[in-house]
Amino acid sequence: MSGPIRVTGPLLDVAEVLLQAFDDKVELHGWAILKATKRSGPTVYGVLDRLEDAGWIIGRWEDQHPEPNKPRRRFYQLTPTGVVAARNVLAERRPETLNRPPRPAPGMAVIGWLHGLLPGGAR
């Protein structure tokens, strides 16, 4: 575990998406997070690495991709510590995201579509 985490715009975007996934009880793979945040791969994966180092998220590799000849995906979800930390940082930096009635965050339509693609559907 590292020290305090640097809060950036990309981190807030990723935290919003992961918190929505937590509330929806689904795991997301990196590509889904990229699409939902509309951020580049290096940016998102850099944030995911920082969040994992800080203990906010855990990642796991799928056993086998459902389509032959495709690489396995890495799924991410918030830890209990990460849920609290994400809610706190969003309350401080983007309170409007927590104070508005529940609705999909920007790009979350992709997440709804992806639910059907996840192994076992929505989890």
Protein backbone atom coordinates (compact mmCIF):
# COMPACT_ATOMS: atom_id res chain seq x y z
CA MET A 1 0.00 0.00 0.00
CA SER A 2 1.28 3.43 -0.88
CA GLY A 3 0.77 6.82 0.73
CA PRO A 4 -1.91 9.35 -0.16
CA ILE A 5 -3.28 9.00 -3.65
CA ARG A 6 -3.00 11.86 -6.15
CA VAL A 7 -6.51 12.93 -7.16
CA THR A 8 -6.79 13.86 -10.84
CA GLY A 9 -9.62 14.25 -13.33
CA PRO A 10 -9.00 10.78 -14.79
CA LEU A 11 -8.99 9.26 -11.29
CA LEU A 12 -12.35 10.90 -10.55
CA ASP A 13 -13.76 9.58 -13.85
CA VAL A 14 -12.57 6.05 -13.11
CA ALA A 15 -13.82 6.26 -9.51
CA GLU A 16 -17.29 7.29 -10.74
CA VAL A 17 -17.45 4.35 -13.15
CA LEU A 18 -16.19 1.86 -10.56
CA LEU A 19 -18.62 3.18 -7.93
CA GLN A 20 -21.51 2.83 -10.39
CA ALA A 21 -20.38 -0.73 -11.14
CA PHE A 22 -20.20 -1.44 -7.40
CA ASP A 23 -23.74 -0.14 -6.93
CA ASP A 24 -24.86 -2.28 -9.91
CA LYS A 25 -22.98 -5.30 -8.47
CA VAL A 26 -20.87 -5.91 -11.59
CA GLU A 27 -17.17 -6.19 -12.29
CA LEU A 28 -15.75 -4.24 -15.18
CA HIS A 29 -12.82 -5.08 -17.39
CA GLY A 30 -10.37 -2.42 -18.50
CA TRP A 31 -11.88 -1.93 -21.96
CA ALA A 32 -15.30 -1.21 -20.44
CA ILE A 33 -13.74 1.38 -18.13
CA LEU A 34 -11.93 2.97 -21.12
CA LYS A 35 -15.20 3.27 -23.03
CA ALA A 36 -17.18 4.57 -20.06
CA THR A 37 -14.63 7.25 -19.15
CA LYS A 38 -13.68 8.14 -22.73
CA ARG A 39 -10.05 8.22 -21.60
CA SER A 40 -7.01 6.66 -23.28
CA GLY A 41 -5.67 3.24 -22.36
CA PRO A 42 -2.43 4.47 -20.78
CA THR A 43 -4.37 7.01 -18.71
CA VAL A 44 -6.96 4.53 -17.44
CA TYR A 45 -4.51 1.72 -16.79
CA GLY A 46 -2.21 4.15 -14.96
CA VAL A 47 -5.13 5.13 -12.71
CA LEU A 48 -6.08 1.48 -12.19
CA ASP A 49 -2.50 0.68 -11.18
CA ARG A 50 -2.49 3.55 -8.66
CA LEU A 51 -5.87 2.50 -7.25
CA GLU A 52 -4.74 -1.11 -6.93
CA ASP A 53 -1.51 -0.05 -5.20
CA ALA A 54 -3.54 2.10 -2.80
CA GLY A 55 -5.88 -0.81 -1.97
CA TRP A 56 -8.95 0.85 -3.47
CA ILE A 57 -9.54 -1.88 -6.06
CA ILE A 58 -8.73 -5.49 -6.69
CA GLY A 59 -8.19 -6.97 -10.11
CA ARG A 60 -8.59 -10.53 -11.24
CA TRP A 61 -7.91 -12.28 -14.52
CA GLU A 62 -10.76 -14.22 -16.06
CA ASP A 63 -10.07 -17.93 -16.39
CA GLN A 64 -10.63 -17.96 -20.13
CA HIS A 65 -12.09 -15.45 -22.58
CA PRO A 66 -15.53 -16.62 -23.77
CA GLU A 67 -14.41 -16.22 -27.39
CA PRO A 68 -11.68 -18.50 -28.72
CA ASN A 69 -8.34 -16.91 -29.65
CA LYS A 70 -9.02 -13.79 -27.57
CA PRO A 71 -6.83 -12.73 -24.65
CA ARG A 72 -8.14 -13.04 -21.12
CA ARG A 73 -9.57 -9.87 -19.60
CA ARG A 74 -8.73 -8.34 -16.23
CA PHE A 75 -11.77 -7.40 -14.15
CA TYR A 76 -11.71 -4.69 -11.50
CA GLN A 77 -13.89 -3.92 -8.53
CA LEU A 78 -13.72 -1.62 -5.54
CA THR A 79 -12.62 -2.99 -2.18
CA PRO A 80 -14.58 -1.98 0.95
CA THR A 81 -11.84 0.60 1.61
CA GLY A 82 -12.11 1.77 -2.00
CA VAL A 83 -15.87 2.23 -1.79
CA VAL A 84 -15.48 4.55 1.19
CA ALA A 85 -12.50 6.36 -0.35
CA ALA A 86 -14.23 6.80 -3.74
CA ARG A 87 -17.40 8.15 -2.13
CA ASN A 88 -15.33 10.53 0.02
CA VAL A 89 -13.20 11.87 -2.82
CA LEU A 90 -16.23 12.27 -5.09
CA ALA A 91 -18.16 14.01 -2.30
CA GLU A 92 -15.27 16.43 -1.93
CA ARG A 93 -14.36 16.99 -5.59
CA ARG A 94 -17.59 16.20 -7.50
CA PRO A 95 -20.45 16.44 -5.00
CA GLU A 96 -22.96 16.75 -7.83
CA THR A 97 -22.28 13.13 -8.77
CA LEU A 98 -23.44 11.92 -5.36
CA ASN A 99 -26.24 14.43 -4.75
CA ARG A 100 -28.19 13.95 -7.95
CA PRO A 101 -30.87 11.30 -8.32
CA PRO A 102 -29.41 7.96 -9.40
CA ARG A 103 -28.82 7.97 -13.14
CA PRO A 104 -26.08 6.74 -15.38
CA ALA A 105 -22.89 8.79 -15.39
CA PRO A 106 -21.56 9.96 -18.76
CA GLY A 107 -20.67 6.93 -20.80
CA MET A 108 -22.58 4.54 -18.55
CA ALA A 109 -24.85 3.47 -21.42
CA VAL A 110 -21.84 1.46 -22.54
CA ILE A 111 -21.81 -0.27 -19.15
CA GLY A 112 -25.46 -1.28 -19.52
CA TRP A 113 -24.69 -2.74 -22.90
CA LEU A 114 -21.63 -4.51 -21.50
CA HIS A 115 -23.62 -6.18 -18.72
CA GLY A 116 -24.99 -8.55 -21.33
CA LEU A 117 -21.48 -9.34 -22.55
CA LEU A 118 -20.08 -10.28 -19.15
CA PRO A 119 -19.88 -13.96 -18.34
CA GLY A 120 -23.12 -14.81 -16.57
CA GLY A 121 -24.73 -11.50 -17.53
CA ALA A 122 -25.12 -8.86 -14.81
CA ARG A 123 -23.46 -9.91 -11.56
